[in-house]
PDB file of N, CA and C in Angstrom:
ATOM      1  N   MET A   1       0.816  -1.210   0.000  1.00  0.00           N
ATOM      2  CA  MET A   1       0.000   0.000   0.000  1.00  0.00           C
ATOM      3  C   MET A   1       0.853   1.266   0.000  1.00  0.00           C
ATOM      4  N   PRO A   2       1.882   1.407   0.844  1.00  0.00           N
ATOM      5  CA  PRO A   2       2.669   2.641   0.814  1.00  0.00           C
ATOM      6  C   PRO A   2       3.364   2.869  -0.524  1.00  0.00           C
ATOM      7  N   GLN A   3       3.815   1.780  -1.198  1.00  0.00           N
ATOM      8  CA  GLN A   3       4.473   1.970  -2.486  1.00  0.00           C
ATOM      9  C   GLN A   3       3.498   2.541  -3.511  1.00  0.00           C
ATOM     10  N   GLU A   4       2.255   2.088  -3.480  1.00  0.00           N
ATOM     11  CA  GLU A   4       1.245   2.607  -4.404  1.00  0.00           C
ATOM     12  C   GLU A   4       0.984   4.084  -4.142  1.00  0.00           C
ATOM     13  N   PHE A   5       0.956   4.458  -2.877  1.00  0.00           N
ATOM     14  CA  PHE A   5       0.713   5.860  -2.536  1.00  0.00           C
ATOM     15  C   PHE A   5       1.808   6.750  -3.097  1.00  0.00           C
ATOM     16  N   TRP A   6       3.066   6.364  -2.890  1.00  0.00           N
ATOM     17  CA  TRP A   6       4.172   7.195  -3.366  1.00  0.00           C
ATOM     18  C   TRP A   6       4.259   7.197  -4.884  1.00  0.00           C
ATOM     19  N   ALA A   7       3.962   6.076  -5.504  1.00  0.00           N
ATOM     20  CA  ALA A   7       3.950   6.026  -6.972  1.00  0.00           C
ATOM     21  C   ALA A   7       2.868   6.944  -7.521  1.00  0.00           C
ATOM     22  N   ASN A   8       1.695   6.924  -6.939  1.00  0.00           N
ATOM     23  CA  ASN A   8       0.620   7.819  -7.376  1.00  0.00           C
ATOM     24  C   ASN A   8       0.985   9.279  -7.136  1.00  0.00           C
ATOM     25  N   ALA A   9       1.630   9.553  -6.015  1.00  0.00           N
ATOM     26  CA  ALA A   9       2.029  10.929  -5.727  1.00  0.00           C
ATOM     27  C   ALA A   9       3.043  11.422  -6.748  1.00  0.00           C
ATOM     28  N   VAL A  10       4.023  10.596  -7.068  1.00  0.00           N
ATOM     29  CA  VAL A  10       5.045  10.982  -8.053  1.00  0.00           C
ATOM     30  C   VAL A  10       4.420  11.147  -9.425  1.00  0.00           C
ATOM     31  N   TYR A  11       3.590  10.199  -9.836  1.00  0.00           N
ATOM     32  CA  TYR A  11       2.969  10.268 -11.159  1.00  0.00           C
ATOM     33  C   TYR A  11       2.026  11.463 -11.290  1.00  0.00           C
ATOM     34  N   SER A  12       1.449  11.916 -10.221  1.00  0.00           N
ATOM     35  CA  SER A  12       0.566  13.074 -10.309  1.00  0.00           C
ATOM     36  C   SER A  12       1.350  14.385 -10.264  1.00  0.00           C
ATOM     37  N   LEU A  13       2.562  14.374  -9.738  1.00  0.00           N
ATOM     38  CA  LEU A  13       3.373  15.599  -9.703  1.00  0.00           C
ATOM     39  C   LEU A  13       4.209  15.803 -10.966  1.00  0.00           C
ATOM     40  N   ILE A  14       4.563  14.735 -11.648  1.00  0.00           N
ATOM     41  CA  ILE A  14       5.418  14.839 -12.828  1.00  0.00           C
ATOM     42  C   ILE A  14       4.821  15.758 -13.901  1.00  0.00           C
ATOM     43  N   PRO A  15       3.552  15.621 -14.301  1.00  0.00           N
ATOM     44  CA  PRO A  15       3.023  16.528 -15.335  1.00  0.00           C
ATOM     45  C   PRO A  15       3.049  17.997 -14.908  1.00  0.00           C
ATOM     46  N   THR A  16       2.776  18.261 -13.659  1.00  0.00           N
ATOM     47  CA  THR A  16       2.804  19.631 -13.166  1.00  0.00           C
ATOM     48  C   THR A  16       4.209  20.203 -13.229  1.00  0.00           C
ATOM     49  N   ILE A  17       5.182  19.431 -12.837  1.00  0.00           N
ATOM     50  CA  ILE A  17       6.574  19.887 -12.860  1.00  0.00           C
ATOM     51  C   ILE A  17       7.034  20.107 -14.302  1.00  0.00           C
ATOM     52  N   VAL A  18       6.692  19.191 -15.187  1.00  0.00           N
ATOM     53  CA  VAL A  18       7.097  19.315 -16.594  1.00  0.00           C
ATOM     54  C   VAL A  18       6.456  20.551 -17.222  1.00  0.00           C
ATOM     55  N   LEU A  19       5.188  20.763 -17.007  1.00  0.00           N
ATOM     56  CA  LEU A  19       4.523  21.945 -17.561  1.00  0.00           C
ATOM     57  C   LEU A  19       5.100  23.224 -16.964  1.00  0.00           C
ATOM     58  N   GLY A  20       5.430  23.208 -15.699  1.00  0.00           N
ATOM     59  CA  GLY A  20       6.057  24.369 -15.078  1.00  0.00           C
ATOM     60  C   GLY A  20       7.408  24.677 -15.698  1.00  0.00           C
ATOM     61  N   LEU A  21       8.202  23.641 -15.961  1.00  0.00           N
ATOM     62  CA  LEU A  21       9.505  23.844 -16.607  1.00  0.00           C
ATOM     63  C   LEU A  21       9.351  24.376 -18.032  1.00  0.00           C
ATOM     64  N   VAL A  22       8.394  23.847 -18.775  1.00  0.00           N
ATOM     65  CA  VAL A  22       8.158  24.335 -20.142  1.00  0.00           C
ATOM     66  C   VAL A  22       7.737  25.795 -20.104  1.00  0.00           C
ATOM     67  N   PHE A  23       6.823  26.145 -19.213  1.00  0.00           N
ATOM     68  CA  PHE A  23       6.383  27.532 -19.081  1.00  0.00           C
ATOM     69  C   PHE A  23       7.557  28.435 -18.716  1.00  0.00           C
ATOM     70  N   TRP A  24       8.410  27.996 -17.786  1.00  0.00           N
ATOM     71  CA  TRP A  24       9.561  28.777 -17.373  1.00  0.00           C
ATOM     72  C   TRP A  24      10.526  28.998 -18.530  1.00  0.00           C
ATOM     73  N   LEU A  25      10.782  27.948 -19.314  1.00  0.00           N
ATOM     74  CA  LEU A  25      11.686  28.075 -20.455  1.00  0.00           C
ATOM     75  C   LEU A  25      11.138  29.037 -21.506  1.00  0.00           C
ATOM     76  N   ILE A  26       9.846  28.963 -21.777  1.00  0.00           N
ATOM     77  CA  ILE A  26       9.237  29.874 -22.751  1.00  0.00           C
ATOM     78  C   ILE A  26       9.315  31.307 -22.253  1.00  0.00           C
ATOM     79  N   LEU A  27       8.970  31.536 -21.014  1.00  0.00           N
ATOM     80  CA  LEU A  27       9.016  32.889 -20.454  1.00  0.00           C
ATOM     81  C   LEU A  27      10.437  33.429 -20.433  1.00  0.00           C
ATOM     82  N   ARG A  28      11.390  32.577 -20.092  1.00  0.00           N
ATOM     83  CA  ARG A  28      12.803  32.983 -20.070  1.00  0.00           C
ATOM     84  C   ARG A  28      13.285  33.377 -21.457  1.00  0.00           C
ATOM     85  N   SER A  29      12.902  32.604 -22.473  1.00  0.00           N
ATOM     86  CA  SER A  29      13.335  32.927 -23.830  1.00  0.00           C
ATOM     87  C   SER A  29      12.697  34.225 -24.320  1.00  0.00           C
ATOM     88  N   VAL A  30      11.461  34.494 -23.943  1.00  0.00           N
ATOM     89  CA  VAL A  30      10.809  35.749 -24.327  1.00  0.00           C
ATOM     90  C   VAL A  30      11.513  36.930 -23.671  1.00  0.00           C
ATOM     91  N   ILE A  31      11.858  36.806 -22.406  1.00  0.00           N
ATOM     92  CA  ILE A  31      12.526  37.896 -21.696  1.00  0.00           C
ATOM     93  C   ILE A  31      13.914  38.142 -22.277  1.00  0.00           C
ATOM     94  N   HIS A  32      14.651  37.081 -22.576  1.00  0.00           N
ATOM     95  CA  HIS A  32      15.982  37.248 -23.160  1.00  0.00           C
ATOM     96  C   HIS A  32      15.896  37.841 -24.562  1.00  0.00           C
ATOM     97  N   ALA A  33      14.916  37.442 -25.346  1.00  0.00           N
ATOM     98  CA  ALA A  33      14.747  38.004 -26.687  1.00  0.00           C
ATOM     99  C   ALA A  33      14.429  39.492 -26.597  1.00  0.00           C
ATOM    100  N   ASP A  34      13.596  39.871 -25.644  1.00  0.00           N
ATOM    101  CA  ASP A  34      13.263  41.285 -25.469  1.00  0.00           C
ATOM    102  C   ASP A  34      14.500  42.078 -25.075  1.00  0.00           C
ATOM    103  N   ARG A  35      15.316  41.531 -24.198  1.00  0.00           N
ATOM    104  CA  ARG A  35      16.541  42.202 -23.763  1.00  0.00           C
ATOM    105  C   ARG A  35      17.491  42.408 -24.943  1.00  0.00           C
ATOM    106  N   ARG A  36      17.660  41.363 -25.763  1.00  0.00           N
ATOM    107  CA  ARG A  36      18.534  41.478 -26.939  1.00  0.00           C
ATOM    108  C   ARG A  36      17.983  42.487 -27.939  1.00  0.00           C
ATOM    109  N   GLU A  37      16.674  42.484 -28.150  1.00  0.00           N
ATOM    110  CA  GLU A  37      16.062  43.412 -29.090  1.00  0.00           C
ATOM    111  C   GLU A  37      16.238  44.854 -28.623  1.00  0.00           C
ATOM    112  N   ARG A  38      16.079  45.105 -27.332  1.00  0.00           N
ATOM    113  CA  ARG A  38      16.277  46.464 -26.813  1.00  0.00           C
ATOM    114  C   ARG A  38      17.724  46.909 -26.960  1.00  0.00           C
ATOM    115  N   ALA A  39      18.681  46.008 -26.759  1.00  0.00           N
ATOM    116  CA  ALA A  39      20.092  46.355 -26.904  1.00  0.00           C
ATOM    117  C   ALA A  39      20.415  46.708 -28.356  1.00  0.00           C
ATOM    118  N   VAL A  40      19.873  45.937 -29.290  1.00  0.00           N
ATOM    119  CA  VAL A  40      20.110  46.219 -30.707  1.00  0.00           C
ATOM    120  C   VAL A  40      19.461  47.539 -31.092  1.00  0.00           C
ATOM    121  N   ALA A  41      18.251  47.789 -30.625  1.00  0.00           N
ATOM    122  CA  ALA A  41      17.569  49.042 -30.943  1.00  0.00           C
ATOM    123  C   ALA A  41      18.342  50.230 -30.375  1.00  0.00           C
ATOM    124  N   ALA A  42      18.893  50.104 -29.182  1.00  0.00           N
ATOM    125  CA  ALA A  42      19.677  51.198 -28.589  1.00  0.00           C
ATOM    126  C   ALA A  42      20.954  51.442 -29.383  1.00  0.00           C
ATOM    127  N   ARG A  43      21.579  50.360 -29.844  1.00  0.00           N
ATOM    128  CA  ARG A  43      22.797  50.516 -30.644  1.00  0.00           C
ATOM    129  C   ARG A  43      22.490  51.206 -31.968  1.00  0.00           C
ATOM    130  N   ILE A  44      21.401  50.809 -32.616  1.00  0.00           N
ATOM    131  CA  ILE A  44      21.018  51.428 -33.884  1.00  0.00           C
ATOM    132  C   ILE A  44      20.678  52.894 -33.665  1.00  0.00           C
ATOM    133  N   GLU A  45      19.962  53.201 -32.590  1.00  0.00           N
ATOM    134  CA  GLU A  45      19.615  54.597 -32.308  1.00  0.00           C
ATOM    135  C   GLU A  45      20.875  55.427 -32.063  1.00  0.00           C
ATOM    136  N   ALA A  46      21.844  54.871 -31.338  1.00  0.00           N
ATOM    137  CA  ALA A  46      23.088  55.595 -31.080  1.00  0.00           C
ATOM    138  C   ALA A  46      23.846  55.845 -32.380  1.00  0.00           C
ATOM    139  N   GLU A  47      23.866  54.851 -33.265  1.00  0.00           N
ATOM    140  CA  GLU A  47      24.530  55.041 -34.554  1.00  0.00           C
ATOM    141  C   GLU A  47      23.849  56.107 -35.378  1.00  0.00           C
ATOM    142  N   GLU A  48      22.523  56.119 -35.388  1.00  0.00           N
ATOM    143  CA  GLU A  48      21.780  57.124 -36.152  1.00  0.00           C
ATOM    144  C   GLU A  48      21.962  58.523 -35.573  1.00  0.00           C
ATOM    145  N   ARG A  49      21.974  58.628 -34.247  1.00  0.00           N
ATOM    146  CA  ARG A  49      22.189  59.941 -33.626  1.00  0.00           C
ATOM    147  C   ARG A  49      23.589  60.454 -33.946  1.00  0.00           C
ATOM    148  N   ALA A  50      24.582  59.562 -33.942  1.00  0.00           N
ATOM    149  CA  ALA A  50      25.944  59.973 -34.269  1.00  0.00           C
ATOM    150  C   ALA A  50      26.048  60.361 -35.740  1.00  0.00           C
ATOM    151  N   ARG A  51      25.310  59.653 -36.589  1.00  0.00           N
ATOM    152  CA  ARG A  51      25.362  59.929 -38.020  1.00  0.00           C
ATOM    153  C   ARG A  51      24.816  61.319 -38.341  1.00  0.00           C
ATOM    154  N   ILE A  52      23.764  61.756 -37.654  1.00  0.00           N
ATOM    155  CA  ILE A  52      23.185  63.070 -37.947  1.00  0.00           C
ATOM    156  C   ILE A  52      23.741  64.160 -37.042  1.00  0.00           C
ATOM    157  N   GLY A  53      24.664  63.819 -36.185  1.00  0.00           N
ATOM    158  CA  GLY A  53      25.368  64.825 -35.383  1.00  0.00           C
ATOM    159  C   GLY A  53      24.718  65.197 -34.076  1.00  0.00           C
ATOM    160  N   LEU A  54      23.808  64.398 -33.565  1.00  0.00           N
ATOM    161  CA  LEU A  54      23.185  64.689 -32.268  1.00  0.00           C
ATOM    162  C   LEU A  54      24.034  64.087 -31.160  1.00  0.00           C
ATOM    163  N   PRO A  55      23.977  64.671 -29.973  1.00  0.00           N
ATOM    164  CA  PRO A  55      24.737  64.098 -28.842  1.00  0.00           C
ATOM    165  C   PRO A  55      24.110  62.767 -28.418  1.00  0.00           C
ATOM    166  N   PRO A  56      24.917  61.885 -27.855  1.00  0.00           N
ATOM    167  CA  PRO A  56      24.358  60.593 -27.385  1.00  0.00           C
ATOM    168  C   PRO A  56      23.415  60.794 -26.216  1.00  0.00           C
ATOM    169  N   ARG A  57      22.461  59.901 -26.120  1.00  0.00           N
ATOM    170  CA  ARG A  57      21.526  59.961 -24.982  1.00  0.00           C
ATOM    171  C   ARG A  57      22.226  59.490 -23.731  1.00  0.00           C
ATOM    172  N   SER A  58      21.831  60.061 -22.616  1.00  0.00           N
ATOM    173  CA  SER A  58      22.449  59.660 -21.344  1.00  0.00           C
ATOM    174  C   SER A  58      21.692  58.557 -20.676  1.00  0.00           C
TER     175      SER A  58
END
């Protein structure tokens, strides 16, 4: 009886843990992509400001 209880407990927690990990990975990749996109946009803006002779943003 105790082995069945622990097996059922593990089998019922595995899908929750797996879905949580998938959600975490997706959210992490979205946040990292946003960070990279903002860095590229800032670099492009700095290049354009330098090209037209404006001072860099602080």
